[in-house]
Amino acid sequence: MTGDKRKSLENRGGSGILRVLISGDLQIAEHNIILGLNIPNYPTTKKIEKQSGLEIGEDNPSFIPYHAFGPDKGTRTCPVCKYGRFHGIVYFVGNNPNWDDIKKWLTFLEQESVTRSKYLKAYFVYGNEKDYSKDKRQKELEKVGLELKLKNIALTFVPSMIDTESEVYLNKINPSVENTFVIFKHRTIIDKFINFKASADNFTIISSTLDKTKGDYFNLSEPKHD
């Protein structure tokens, strides 16, 4: 399916896109159905006050932020396209950054990335539109990366959370919240947290989410494309 076709999907109960893995002569795919997702008139529970990001069960969209620091520095690599095979965490911060918390989260995510090796890729996506300057933003994130001695996390940025050129707008991030954490597995969103403070309890929640959702098929290979 083309990217345009995927973007046009209604994603009722989930995208329905199955990603095949290979086990000997077998092809294996997981199909998760999210009850009520994008179903008109489906009974709903009380909505949380602040909304940000796509819903659990939807596919994490492709987008191309600027990589200021980390493994793909100097590129516009799409986090989902290149590293969507296992677990991924995309940590979005918009117009209200709390740098003390951000640095604590980045330190934690760096540790998790080291521990989980190839099974986790984490990204910081900074989209503060206030006084935006590409050069200034690049240097700002480079300084943070050097200060924290980061090696595994990608520090990236976009002009704003509604920027269409980078297609970050497809993530539907609310720029007024302090942060939005999106956790995906094999490109599908499996959990989301909004205004998540950097605390030992919340670090444990993230770690537990990754532990509980590690796939039975992580060790299987993907089909080779001609």
N, C-alpha and C. Protein backbone atom coordinates (compact mmCIF):
# COMPACT_ATOMS: atom_id res chain seq x y z
N MET A 1 0.85 -1.20 0.00
CA MET A 1 0.00 0.00 0.00
C MET A 1 0.88 1.24 0.00
N THR A 2 0.46 2.23 -0.77
CA THR A 2 1.23 3.47 -0.82
C THR A 2 0.97 4.29 0.45
N GLY A 3 1.86 5.25 0.70
CA GLY A 3 1.70 6.13 1.85
C GLY A 3 0.40 6.90 1.78
N ASP A 4 0.05 7.38 0.59
CA ASP A 4 -1.19 8.14 0.44
C ASP A 4 -2.41 7.28 0.75
N LYS A 5 -2.36 6.02 0.33
CA LYS A 5 -3.49 5.12 0.60
C LYS A 5 -3.63 4.88 2.10
N ARG A 6 -2.51 4.70 2.79
CA ARG A 6 -2.56 4.47 4.24
C ARG A 6 -3.13 5.69 4.96
N LYS A 7 -2.74 6.89 4.51
CA LYS A 7 -3.23 8.11 5.16
C LYS A 7 -4.73 8.29 4.98
N SER A 8 -5.29 7.68 3.94
CA SER A 8 -6.72 7.84 3.66
C SER A 8 -7.59 6.84 4.42
N LEU A 9 -6.97 5.88 5.10
CA LEU A 9 -7.73 4.86 5.81
C LEU A 9 -8.51 5.47 6.98
N GLU A 10 -9.70 4.94 7.24
CA GLU A 10 -10.50 5.41 8.37
C GLU A 10 -10.03 4.78 9.68
N ASN A 11 -9.27 3.72 9.59
CA ASN A 11 -8.72 3.05 10.77
C ASN A 11 -9.79 2.65 11.77
N ARG A 12 -10.88 2.08 11.31
CA ARG A 12 -11.94 1.62 12.21
C ARG A 12 -11.51 0.32 12.88
N GLY A 13 -11.36 0.36 14.18
CA GLY A 13 -10.90 -0.81 14.92
C GLY A 13 -9.42 -1.08 14.75
N GLY A 14 -8.71 -0.14 14.14
CA GLY A 14 -7.30 -0.32 13.81
C GLY A 14 -7.10 -0.23 12.31
N SER A 15 -5.86 -0.13 11.89
CA SER A 15 -5.61 0.09 10.47
C SER A 15 -5.94 -1.14 9.62
N GLY A 16 -5.84 -2.33 10.21
CA GLY A 16 -6.07 -3.54 9.44
C GLY A 16 -4.88 -3.96 8.60
N ILE A 17 -3.79 -3.17 8.65
CA ILE A 17 -2.58 -3.52 7.90
C ILE A 17 -1.81 -4.58 8.67
N LEU A 18 -1.56 -5.72 8.03
CA LEU A 18 -0.82 -6.81 8.67
C LEU A 18 0.61 -6.83 8.13
N ARG A 19 1.56 -6.87 9.07
CA ARG A 19 2.97 -6.90 8.68
C ARG A 19 3.49 -8.32 8.93
N VAL A 20 3.91 -8.95 7.88
CA VAL A 20 4.22 -10.38 7.91
C VAL A 20 5.65 -10.61 8.37
N LEU A 21 5.83 -11.65 9.21
CA LEU A 21 7.14 -12.13 9.62
C LEU A 21 7.30 -13.57 9.14
N ILE A 22 8.53 -14.03 9.07
CA ILE A 22 8.82 -15.35 8.52
C ILE A 22 9.35 -16.28 9.62
N SER A 23 8.75 -17.46 9.74
CA SER A 23 9.25 -18.50 10.65
C SER A 23 9.33 -19.80 9.85
N GLY A 24 10.52 -20.08 9.35
CA GLY A 24 10.68 -21.25 8.48
C GLY A 24 9.85 -21.10 7.22
N ASP A 25 8.90 -22.02 7.01
CA ASP A 25 8.02 -21.96 5.84
C ASP A 25 6.71 -21.24 6.13
N LEU A 26 6.58 -20.72 7.37
CA LEU A 26 5.34 -20.05 7.75
C LEU A 26 5.47 -18.54 7.67
N GLN A 27 4.37 -17.89 7.29
CA GLN A 27 4.26 -16.44 7.40
C GLN A 27 3.33 -16.13 8.57
N ILE A 28 3.79 -15.29 9.47
CA ILE A 28 3.04 -14.98 10.69
C ILE A 28 2.75 -13.49 10.76
N ALA A 29 1.51 -13.16 11.12
CA ALA A 29 1.14 -11.75 11.28
C ALA A 29 0.21 -11.62 12.48
N GLU A 30 0.39 -10.57 13.26
CA GLU A 30 -0.51 -10.27 14.37
C GLU A 30 -1.56 -9.28 13.90
N HIS A 31 -2.81 -9.51 14.29
CA HIS A 31 -3.89 -8.60 13.95
C HIS A 31 -4.64 -8.23 15.23
N ASN A 32 -4.40 -7.01 15.69
CA ASN A 32 -5.07 -6.52 16.89
C ASN A 32 -6.26 -5.66 16.52
N ILE A 33 -7.40 -5.96 17.11
CA ILE A 33 -8.61 -5.17 16.87
C ILE A 33 -8.90 -4.34 18.13
N ILE A 34 -8.99 -3.02 17.96
CA ILE A 34 -9.24 -2.11 19.08
C ILE A 34 -10.72 -1.77 19.11
N LEU A 35 -11.43 -2.31 20.09
CA LEU A 35 -12.88 -2.12 20.16
C LEU A 35 -13.23 -0.64 20.27
N GLY A 36 -14.10 -0.20 19.40
CA GLY A 36 -14.61 1.17 19.47
C GLY A 36 -13.77 2.20 18.76
N LEU A 37 -12.57 1.85 18.30
CA LEU A 37 -11.69 2.85 17.70
C LEU A 37 -12.27 3.38 16.39
N ASN A 38 -12.56 4.68 16.37
CA ASN A 38 -13.10 5.36 15.18
C ASN A 38 -14.42 4.76 14.69
N ILE A 39 -15.21 4.20 15.63
CA ILE A 39 -16.52 3.66 15.28
C ILE A 39 -17.59 4.70 15.64
N PRO A 40 -18.33 5.21 14.66
CA PRO A 40 -19.36 6.22 14.96
C PRO A 40 -20.38 5.70 15.97
N ASN A 41 -20.73 6.56 16.93
CA ASN A 41 -21.78 6.28 17.94
C ASN A 41 -21.41 5.14 18.89
N TYR A 42 -20.14 4.75 18.90
CA TYR A 42 -19.73 3.71 19.85
C TYR A 42 -19.78 4.29 21.26
N PRO A 43 -20.31 3.53 22.26
CA PRO A 43 -20.36 4.06 23.64
C PRO A 43 -18.97 4.47 24.11
N THR A 44 -18.86 5.68 24.63
CA THR A 44 -17.56 6.20 25.02
C THR A 44 -17.48 6.40 26.53
N THR A 45 -16.27 6.30 27.03
CA THR A 45 -16.04 6.64 28.43
C THR A 45 -15.70 8.12 28.51
N LYS A 46 -15.57 8.62 29.72
CA LYS A 46 -15.28 10.03 29.92
C LYS A 46 -13.93 10.39 29.29
N LYS A 47 -13.93 11.45 28.49
CA LYS A 47 -12.71 11.88 27.83
C LYS A 47 -11.80 12.60 28.82
N ILE A 48 -10.47 12.38 28.65
CA ILE A 48 -9.55 13.13 29.48
C ILE A 48 -9.55 14.58 29.02
N GLU A 49 -9.17 15.47 29.95
CA GLU A 49 -9.28 16.91 29.66
C GLU A 49 -8.39 17.33 28.50
N LYS A 50 -7.17 16.85 28.48
CA LYS A 50 -6.23 17.23 27.43
C LYS A 50 -6.10 16.10 26.41
N GLN A 51 -6.23 16.42 25.14
CA GLN A 51 -6.08 15.44 24.08
C GLN A 51 -4.82 15.75 23.29
N SER A 52 -4.09 14.73 22.91
CA SER A 52 -2.90 14.92 22.09
C SER A 52 -2.50 13.58 21.49
N GLY A 53 -2.21 13.58 20.21
CA GLY A 53 -1.73 12.37 19.56
C GLY A 53 -2.83 11.48 19.02
N LEU A 54 -2.45 10.55 18.18
CA LEU A 54 -3.37 9.57 17.63
C LEU A 54 -3.79 8.58 18.70
N GLU A 55 -4.77 7.75 18.39
CA GLU A 55 -5.30 6.81 19.37
C GLU A 55 -4.53 5.49 19.37
N ILE A 56 -4.56 4.81 20.50
CA ILE A 56 -3.98 3.48 20.60
C ILE A 56 -4.65 2.57 19.57
N GLY A 57 -3.85 1.83 18.83
CA GLY A 57 -4.37 0.96 17.78
C GLY A 57 -4.19 1.52 16.39
N GLU A 58 -3.93 2.82 16.29
CA GLU A 58 -3.67 3.41 14.98
C GLU A 58 -2.20 3.26 14.62
N ASP A 59 -1.91 3.38 13.34
CA ASP A 59 -0.53 3.29 12.89
C ASP A 59 0.20 4.61 13.12
N ASN A 60 1.42 4.52 13.61
CA ASN A 60 2.25 5.70 13.77
C ASN A 60 2.62 6.21 12.37
N PRO A 61 2.32 7.46 12.04
CA PRO A 61 2.56 7.93 10.67
C PRO A 61 4.03 8.24 10.39
N SER A 62 4.39 8.18 9.13
CA SER A 62 5.72 8.59 8.70
C SER A 62 5.83 10.11 8.75
N PHE A 63 6.99 10.62 9.16
CA PHE A 63 7.27 12.05 9.09
C PHE A 63 8.78 12.23 9.08
N ILE A 64 9.24 13.43 8.71
CA ILE A 64 10.69 13.63 8.51
C ILE A 64 11.19 14.85 9.29
N PRO A 65 11.49 14.66 10.57
CA PRO A 65 12.05 15.75 11.37
C PRO A 65 13.52 15.98 11.02
N TYR A 66 14.07 17.09 11.47
CA TYR A 66 15.51 17.33 11.35
C TYR A 66 16.21 16.65 12.52
N HIS A 67 17.23 15.84 12.23
CA HIS A 67 17.99 15.17 13.28
C HIS A 67 19.17 16.06 13.68
N ALA A 68 19.09 16.61 14.89
CA ALA A 68 20.13 17.52 15.36
C ALA A 68 21.25 16.79 16.09
N PHE A 69 20.92 15.63 16.69
CA PHE A 69 21.91 14.91 17.49
C PHE A 69 21.49 13.45 17.57
N GLY A 70 22.47 12.55 17.54
CA GLY A 70 22.15 11.13 17.66
C GLY A 70 22.58 10.34 16.44
N PRO A 71 22.10 9.10 16.33
CA PRO A 71 22.56 8.18 15.28
C PRO A 71 22.38 8.68 13.85
N ASP A 72 21.37 9.50 13.59
CA ASP A 72 21.10 9.95 12.23
C ASP A 72 21.29 11.46 12.08
N LYS A 73 22.20 12.01 12.89
CA LYS A 73 22.46 13.46 12.85
C LYS A 73 22.73 13.94 11.43
N GLY A 74 22.09 15.07 11.09
CA GLY A 74 22.30 15.66 9.77
C GLY A 74 21.38 15.14 8.70
N THR A 75 20.48 14.21 9.07
CA THR A 75 19.54 13.65 8.09
C THR A 75 18.11 14.05 8.47
N ARG A 76 17.19 13.58 7.66
CA ARG A 76 15.76 13.74 7.96
C ARG A 76 15.09 12.37 7.95
N THR A 77 15.76 11.43 8.58
CA THR A 77 15.28 10.05 8.64
C THR A 77 13.93 9.96 9.35
N CYS A 78 13.02 9.20 8.76
CA CYS A 78 11.72 8.98 9.39
C CYS A 78 11.88 7.94 10.50
N PRO A 79 11.51 8.26 11.74
CA PRO A 79 11.66 7.31 12.85
C PRO A 79 10.93 5.99 12.62
N VAL A 80 9.74 6.06 12.04
CA VAL A 80 8.92 4.86 11.87
C VAL A 80 9.40 4.04 10.69
N CYS A 81 9.77 4.70 9.62
CA CYS A 81 10.17 3.98 8.40
C CYS A 81 11.44 3.16 8.63
N LYS A 82 12.43 3.76 9.30
CA LYS A 82 13.72 3.09 9.45
C LYS A 82 13.76 2.16 10.65
N TYR A 83 13.04 2.53 11.72
CA TYR A 83 13.19 1.79 12.97
C TYR A 83 11.86 1.27 13.51
N GLY A 84 10.91 0.99 12.62
CA GLY A 84 9.58 0.59 13.09
C GLY A 84 9.41 -0.89 13.37
N ARG A 85 10.49 -1.67 13.29
CA ARG A 85 10.37 -3.13 13.38
C ARG A 85 10.03 -3.61 14.79
N PHE A 86 10.60 -2.98 15.82
CA PHE A 86 10.39 -3.45 17.19
C PHE A 86 9.63 -2.39 17.99
N HIS A 87 10.10 -2.07 19.18
CA HIS A 87 9.48 -1.02 19.99
C HIS A 87 10.07 0.35 19.62
N GLY A 88 9.23 1.34 19.66
CA GLY A 88 9.69 2.71 19.48
C GLY A 88 8.98 3.63 20.44
N ILE A 89 9.69 4.65 20.91
CA ILE A 89 9.08 5.70 21.74
C ILE A 89 9.35 7.04 21.06
N VAL A 90 8.29 7.79 20.81
CA VAL A 90 8.44 9.13 20.27
C VAL A 90 7.96 10.10 21.35
N TYR A 91 8.86 10.91 21.82
CA TYR A 91 8.64 11.84 22.93
C TYR A 91 8.51 13.24 22.35
N PHE A 92 7.27 13.72 22.23
CA PHE A 92 6.99 15.01 21.63
C PHE A 92 6.91 16.11 22.70
N VAL A 93 7.56 17.23 22.42
CA VAL A 93 7.44 18.43 23.26
C VAL A 93 7.17 19.61 22.35
N GLY A 94 6.13 20.39 22.68
CA GLY A 94 5.74 21.52 21.84
C GLY A 94 6.15 22.86 22.40
N ASN A 95 5.16 23.71 22.65
CA ASN A 95 5.43 25.10 23.01
C ASN A 95 5.69 25.35 24.48
N ASN A 96 5.59 24.31 25.31
CA ASN A 96 5.78 24.49 26.76
C ASN A 96 6.81 23.52 27.31
N PRO A 97 8.08 23.70 26.92
CA PRO A 97 9.12 22.77 27.37
C PRO A 97 9.47 22.98 28.85
N ASN A 98 9.68 21.88 29.54
CA ASN A 98 10.19 21.88 30.91
C ASN A 98 11.54 21.19 30.84
N TRP A 99 12.62 21.95 30.73
CA TRP A 99 13.90 21.37 30.41
C TRP A 99 14.46 20.50 31.52
N ASP A 100 14.15 20.80 32.77
CA ASP A 100 14.58 19.91 33.85
C ASP A 100 13.99 18.51 33.65
N ASP A 101 12.67 18.47 33.36
CA ASP A 101 12.01 17.18 33.12
C ASP A 101 12.52 16.52 31.84
N ILE A 102 12.71 17.32 30.81
CA ILE A 102 13.17 16.78 29.53
C ILE A 102 14.50 16.06 29.69
N LYS A 103 15.41 16.67 30.42
CA LYS A 103 16.73 16.05 30.60
C LYS A 103 16.64 14.76 31.41
N LYS A 104 15.75 14.74 32.39
CA LYS A 104 15.56 13.50 33.17
C LYS A 104 14.98 12.40 32.29
N TRP A 105 14.00 12.77 31.44
CA TRP A 105 13.40 11.78 30.54
C TRP A 105 14.43 11.27 29.53
N LEU A 106 15.24 12.17 28.98
CA LEU A 106 16.24 11.75 28.00
C LEU A 106 17.27 10.81 28.62
N THR A 107 17.66 11.09 29.85
CA THR A 107 18.61 10.21 30.55
C THR A 107 18.00 8.83 30.76
N PHE A 108 16.73 8.80 31.17
CA PHE A 108 16.04 7.52 31.36
C PHE A 108 15.93 6.76 30.04
N LEU A 109 15.51 7.45 28.98
CA LEU A 109 15.34 6.78 27.68
C LEU A 109 16.67 6.29 27.12
N GLU A 110 17.74 7.01 27.40
CA GLU A 110 19.06 6.55 26.98
C GLU A 110 19.41 5.24 27.67
N GLN A 111 19.13 5.17 28.96
CA GLN A 111 19.41 3.94 29.72
C GLN A 111 18.57 2.77 29.19
N GLU A 112 17.28 3.04 28.92
CA GLU A 112 16.42 1.99 28.37
C GLU A 112 16.91 1.53 27.00
N SER A 113 17.39 2.46 26.20
CA SER A 113 17.88 2.12 24.86
C SER A 113 19.12 1.23 24.94
N VAL A 114 19.98 1.51 25.90
CA VAL A 114 21.18 0.68 26.08
C VAL A 114 20.77 -0.72 26.53
N THR A 115 19.86 -0.79 27.50
CA THR A 115 19.43 -2.07 28.06
C THR A 115 18.74 -2.94 27.01
N ARG A 116 17.87 -2.31 26.20
CA ARG A 116 17.05 -3.08 25.25
C ARG A 116 17.69 -3.20 23.87
N SER A 117 18.79 -2.52 23.67
CA SER A 117 19.57 -2.64 22.44
C SER A 117 18.71 -2.41 21.20
N LYS A 118 18.76 -3.33 20.24
CA LYS A 118 18.06 -3.12 18.96
C LYS A 118 16.55 -3.18 19.10
N TYR A 119 16.04 -3.63 20.24
CA TYR A 119 14.60 -3.79 20.41
C TYR A 119 13.89 -2.50 20.81
N LEU A 120 14.63 -1.41 20.97
CA LEU A 120 14.00 -0.13 21.30
C LEU A 120 14.75 1.01 20.63
N LYS A 121 14.00 1.89 19.97
CA LYS A 121 14.54 3.14 19.45
C LYS A 121 13.69 4.29 20.02
N ALA A 122 14.37 5.28 20.57
CA ALA A 122 13.66 6.41 21.19
C ALA A 122 14.02 7.71 20.49
N TYR A 123 13.02 8.58 20.37
CA TYR A 123 13.17 9.85 19.65
C TYR A 123 12.59 10.98 20.47
N PHE A 124 13.32 12.08 20.52
CA PHE A 124 12.80 13.32 21.08
C PHE A 124 12.46 14.22 19.90
N VAL A 125 11.21 14.67 19.82
CA VAL A 125 10.79 15.55 18.73
C VAL A 125 10.35 16.87 19.34
N TYR A 126 11.12 17.92 19.09
CA TYR A 126 10.88 19.24 19.67
C TYR A 126 10.21 20.11 18.62
N GLY A 127 9.02 20.61 18.94
CA GLY A 127 8.26 21.39 17.97
C GLY A 127 7.78 22.72 18.51
N ASN A 128 8.64 23.42 19.25
CA ASN A 128 8.28 24.73 19.81
C ASN A 128 8.33 25.78 18.70
N GLU A 129 7.16 26.33 18.37
CA GLU A 129 7.11 27.30 17.27
C GLU A 129 7.49 28.71 17.71
N LYS A 130 7.65 28.94 19.02
CA LYS A 130 7.98 30.28 19.54
C LYS A 130 9.43 30.62 19.20
N ASP A 131 9.62 31.76 18.52
CA ASP A 131 10.97 32.22 18.16
C ASP A 131 11.77 31.14 17.43
N TYR A 132 11.12 30.42 16.54
CA TYR A 132 11.79 29.31 15.86
C TYR A 132 12.87 29.80 14.91
N SER A 133 14.03 29.19 15.02
CA SER A 133 15.14 29.38 14.09
C SER A 133 15.81 28.02 13.92
N LYS A 134 15.96 27.59 12.70
CA LYS A 134 16.53 26.27 12.45
C LYS A 134 17.93 26.14 13.04
N ASP A 135 18.78 27.13 12.79
CA ASP A 135 20.15 27.07 13.29
C ASP A 135 20.19 27.09 14.82
N LYS A 136 19.37 27.94 15.40
CA LYS A 136 19.32 28.04 16.86
C LYS A 136 18.83 26.73 17.48
N ARG A 137 17.80 26.14 16.88
CA ARG A 137 17.25 24.89 17.40
C ARG A 137 18.27 23.75 17.27
N GLN A 138 18.99 23.74 16.15
CA GLN A 138 20.03 22.73 15.95
C GLN A 138 21.08 22.80 17.06
N LYS A 139 21.56 24.00 17.33
CA LYS A 139 22.61 24.19 18.34
C LYS A 139 22.08 23.89 19.74
N GLU A 140 20.83 24.26 19.99
CA GLU A 140 20.22 24.02 21.29
C GLU A 140 20.18 22.53 21.62
N LEU A 141 19.77 21.71 20.65
CA LEU A 141 19.67 20.28 20.88
C LEU A 141 21.05 19.62 20.90
N GLU A 142 21.98 20.12 20.10
CA GLU A 142 23.35 19.60 20.15
C GLU A 142 23.94 19.79 21.54
N LYS A 143 23.69 20.95 22.13
CA LYS A 143 24.20 21.26 23.47
C LYS A 143 23.64 20.27 24.50
N VAL A 144 22.33 19.98 24.39
CA VAL A 144 21.70 19.04 25.32
C VAL A 144 22.30 17.64 25.14
N GLY A 145 22.46 17.21 23.90
CA GLY A 145 23.01 15.89 23.63
C GLY A 145 24.41 15.71 24.18
N LEU A 146 25.24 16.73 24.03
CA LEU A 146 26.61 16.68 24.55
C LEU A 146 26.62 16.71 26.07
N GLU A 147 25.76 17.55 26.65
CA GLU A 147 25.69 17.66 28.11
C GLU A 147 25.31 16.31 28.75
N LEU A 148 24.35 15.61 28.15
CA LEU A 148 23.87 14.36 28.71
C LEU A 148 24.63 13.13 28.20
N LYS A 149 25.58 13.38 27.28
CA LYS A 149 26.39 12.29 26.70
C LYS A 149 25.50 11.20 26.05
N LEU A 150 24.53 11.65 25.29
CA LEU A 150 23.61 10.72 24.64
C LEU A 150 24.28 10.08 23.42
N LYS A 151 24.00 8.79 23.23
CA LYS A 151 24.55 8.08 22.08
C LYS A 151 23.49 7.34 21.27
N ASN A 152 22.39 7.00 21.91
CA ASN A 152 21.38 6.16 21.27
C ASN A 152 20.11 6.89 20.88
N ILE A 153 19.75 7.91 21.63
CA ILE A 153 18.51 8.64 21.37
C ILE A 153 18.72 9.65 20.24
N ALA A 154 17.73 9.79 19.41
CA ALA A 154 17.74 10.82 18.37
C ALA A 154 17.07 12.09 18.90
N LEU A 155 17.79 13.20 18.89
CA LEU A 155 17.22 14.50 19.24
C LEU A 155 16.86 15.19 17.94
N THR A 156 15.57 15.36 17.70
CA THR A 156 15.10 15.91 16.44
C THR A 156 14.20 17.11 16.68
N PHE A 157 13.91 17.86 15.61
CA PHE A 157 13.03 19.02 15.75
C PHE A 157 12.26 19.27 14.46
N VAL A 158 11.16 19.99 14.62
CA VAL A 158 10.32 20.44 13.51
C VAL A 158 9.94 21.90 13.80
N PRO A 159 9.57 22.68 12.79
CA PRO A 159 9.23 24.08 13.03
C PRO A 159 8.05 24.26 13.97
N SER A 160 7.09 23.35 13.90
CA SER A 160 5.90 23.39 14.77
C SER A 160 5.23 22.04 14.68
N MET A 161 4.29 21.80 15.58
CA MET A 161 3.59 20.52 15.57
C MET A 161 2.50 20.44 14.50
N ILE A 162 2.28 21.56 13.80
CA ILE A 162 1.32 21.55 12.70
C ILE A 162 2.02 21.71 11.35
N ASP A 163 3.33 21.57 11.34
CA ASP A 163 4.11 21.72 10.12
C ASP A 163 3.72 20.65 9.10
N THR A 164 3.43 21.08 7.89
CA THR A 164 3.02 20.14 6.85
C THR A 164 4.20 19.64 6.02
N GLU A 165 5.25 20.43 5.90
CA GLU A 165 6.40 20.03 5.08
C GLU A 165 7.05 18.77 5.65
N SER A 166 7.20 18.73 6.98
CA SER A 166 7.78 17.54 7.64
C SER A 166 6.74 16.45 7.85
N GLU A 167 5.46 16.81 7.67
CA GLU A 167 4.31 15.91 7.89
C GLU A 167 4.15 15.50 9.36
N VAL A 168 4.77 16.25 10.27
CA VAL A 168 4.59 15.96 11.69
C VAL A 168 3.14 16.18 12.11
N TYR A 169 2.41 17.00 11.37
CA TYR A 169 1.01 17.28 11.70
C TYR A 169 0.16 16.01 11.71
N LEU A 170 0.61 14.98 10.99
CA LEU A 170 -0.16 13.73 10.94
C LEU A 170 -0.23 13.05 12.31
N ASN A 171 0.69 13.40 13.22
CA ASN A 171 0.68 12.83 14.56
C ASN A 171 -0.38 13.45 15.47
N LYS A 172 -0.94 14.58 15.06
CA LYS A 172 -2.01 15.27 15.80
C LYS A 172 -1.61 15.61 17.24
N ILE A 173 -0.40 16.15 17.38
CA ILE A 173 0.12 16.51 18.69
C ILE A 173 -0.41 17.88 19.10
N ASN A 174 -0.88 17.97 20.33
CA ASN A 174 -1.34 19.23 20.90
C ASN A 174 -0.11 19.99 21.41
N PRO A 175 0.25 21.13 20.80
CA PRO A 175 1.49 21.83 21.19
C PRO A 175 1.41 22.50 22.56
N SER A 176 0.21 22.62 23.12
CA SER A 176 0.07 23.31 24.40
C SER A 176 0.32 22.41 25.60
N VAL A 177 0.28 21.08 25.41
CA VAL A 177 0.56 20.19 26.54
C VAL A 177 2.07 20.15 26.76
N GLU A 178 2.46 19.71 27.96
CA GLU A 178 3.90 19.70 28.27
C GLU A 178 4.63 18.64 27.46
N ASN A 179 4.01 17.49 27.29
CA ASN A 179 4.63 16.44 26.48
C ASN A 179 3.60 15.40 26.07
N THR A 180 3.94 14.64 25.07
CA THR A 180 3.14 13.50 24.62
C THR A 180 4.09 12.36 24.32
N PHE A 181 3.91 11.23 24.99
CA PHE A 181 4.71 10.05 24.74
C PHE A 181 3.87 9.06 23.92
N VAL A 182 4.40 8.64 22.80
CA VAL A 182 3.75 7.64 21.97
C VAL A 182 4.65 6.41 21.92
N ILE A 183 4.12 5.27 22.33
CA ILE A 183 4.87 4.01 22.28
C ILE A 183 4.28 3.15 21.18
N PHE A 184 5.11 2.69 20.27
CA PHE A 184 4.60 1.84 19.20
C PHE A 184 5.38 0.54 19.12
N LYS A 185 4.72 -0.48 18.56
CA LYS A 185 5.35 -1.77 18.30
C LYS A 185 5.00 -2.17 16.88
N HIS A 186 6.02 -2.46 16.11
CA HIS A 186 5.80 -2.81 14.69
C HIS A 186 4.90 -1.77 14.01
N ARG A 187 5.19 -0.51 14.36
CA ARG A 187 4.57 0.69 13.76
C ARG A 187 3.17 1.01 14.29
N THR A 188 2.60 0.15 15.10
CA THR A 188 1.25 0.40 15.61
C THR A 188 1.33 0.96 17.04
N ILE A 189 0.57 2.00 17.32
CA ILE A 189 0.60 2.64 18.65
C ILE A 189 -0.01 1.69 19.67
N ILE A 190 0.75 1.40 20.73
CA ILE A 190 0.27 0.48 21.76
C ILE A 190 0.02 1.18 23.09
N ASP A 191 0.52 2.42 23.26
CA ASP A 191 0.22 3.18 24.47
C ASP A 191 0.58 4.64 24.25
N LYS A 192 0.02 5.49 25.09
CA LYS A 192 0.22 6.93 24.94
C LYS A 192 0.08 7.58 26.30
N PHE A 193 0.91 8.59 26.57
CA PHE A 193 0.85 9.32 27.83
C PHE A 193 0.98 10.81 27.55
N ILE A 194 0.17 11.60 28.24
CA ILE A 194 0.15 13.04 28.05
C ILE A 194 0.47 13.73 29.37
N ASN A 195 1.29 14.82 29.30
CA ASN A 195 1.70 15.55 30.51
C ASN A 195 2.31 14.59 31.54
N PHE A 196 3.23 13.78 31.09
CA PHE A 196 3.83 12.73 31.91
C PHE A 196 5.07 13.30 32.60
N LYS A 197 5.03 13.41 33.91
CA LYS A 197 6.14 13.97 34.68
C LYS A 197 7.29 12.97 34.77
N ALA A 198 8.50 13.49 34.85
CA ALA A 198 9.68 12.65 35.00
C ALA A 198 9.80 12.22 36.46
N SER A 199 9.34 11.02 36.76
CA SER A 199 9.37 10.50 38.13
C SER A 199 9.70 9.01 38.08
N ALA A 200 10.14 8.47 39.20
CA ALA A 200 10.48 7.05 39.27
C ALA A 200 9.27 6.18 38.92
N ASP A 201 8.08 6.58 39.41
CA ASP A 201 6.87 5.80 39.12
C ASP A 201 6.57 5.77 37.63
N ASN A 202 6.71 6.93 36.97
CA ASN A 202 6.41 6.99 35.55
C ASN A 202 7.48 6.29 34.71
N PHE A 203 8.73 6.32 35.17
CA PHE A 203 9.77 5.54 34.49
C PHE A 203 9.41 4.05 34.53
N THR A 204 8.91 3.61 35.69
CA THR A 204 8.53 2.20 35.84
C THR A 204 7.37 1.85 34.92
N ILE A 205 6.42 2.78 34.76
CA ILE A 205 5.28 2.54 33.88
C ILE A 205 5.76 2.32 32.44
N ILE A 206 6.68 3.15 31.97
CA ILE A 206 7.20 3.01 30.62
C ILE A 206 7.92 1.67 30.47
N SER A 207 8.78 1.33 31.43
CA SER A 207 9.52 0.07 31.36
C SER A 207 8.58 -1.12 31.36
N SER A 208 7.56 -1.07 32.23
CA SER A 208 6.61 -2.17 32.32
C SER A 208 5.81 -2.33 31.04
N THR A 209 5.44 -1.20 30.42
CA THR A 209 4.71 -1.25 29.16
C THR A 209 5.54 -1.96 28.09
N LEU A 210 6.82 -1.65 28.03
CA LEU A 210 7.69 -2.30 27.05
C LEU A 210 7.84 -3.79 27.36
N ASP A 211 7.98 -4.11 28.64
CA ASP A 211 8.12 -5.53 29.03
C ASP A 211 6.88 -6.34 28.67
N LYS A 212 5.71 -5.77 28.98
CA LYS A 212 4.46 -6.50 28.78
C LYS A 212 4.10 -6.67 27.31
N THR A 213 4.60 -5.79 26.47
CA THR A 213 4.18 -5.81 25.06
C THR A 213 5.26 -6.31 24.12
N LYS A 214 6.35 -6.81 24.69
CA LYS A 214 7.39 -7.37 23.83
C LYS A 214 6.79 -8.54 23.06
N GLY A 215 6.91 -8.50 21.77
CA GLY A 215 6.22 -9.47 20.93
C GLY A 215 6.79 -10.88 21.04
N ASP A 216 5.90 -11.86 20.88
CA ASP A 216 6.34 -13.25 20.81
C ASP A 216 7.18 -13.51 19.57
N TYR A 217 7.08 -12.59 18.59
CA TYR A 217 7.72 -12.83 17.30
C TYR A 217 8.87 -11.84 17.04
N PHE A 218 9.40 -11.20 18.09
CA PHE A 218 10.48 -10.24 17.90
C PHE A 218 11.70 -10.87 17.21
N ASN A 219 11.94 -12.14 17.47
CA ASN A 219 13.14 -12.77 16.94
C ASN A 219 12.98 -13.30 15.52
N LEU A 220 11.77 -13.21 14.98
CA LEU A 220 11.56 -13.68 13.61
C LEU A 220 12.03 -12.63 12.61
N SER A 221 12.35 -13.08 11.42
CA SER A 221 12.83 -12.16 10.39
C SER A 221 11.67 -11.64 9.55
N GLU A 222 11.94 -10.52 8.88
CA GLU A 222 10.95 -9.96 7.95
C GLU A 222 11.20 -10.52 6.55
N PRO A 223 10.16 -10.54 5.71
CA PRO A 223 10.37 -10.99 4.33
C PRO A 223 11.37 -10.09 3.61
N LYS A 224 12.14 -10.68 2.71
CA LYS A 224 13.07 -9.88 1.92
C LYS A 224 12.36 -9.34 0.70
N HIS A 225 12.62 -8.07 0.42
CA HIS A 225 11.97 -7.44 -0.73
C HIS A 225 12.93 -7.46 -1.91
N ASP A 226 12.40 -7.83 -3.06
CA ASP A 226 13.22 -7.85 -4.28
C ASP A 226 13.46 -6.45 -4.78
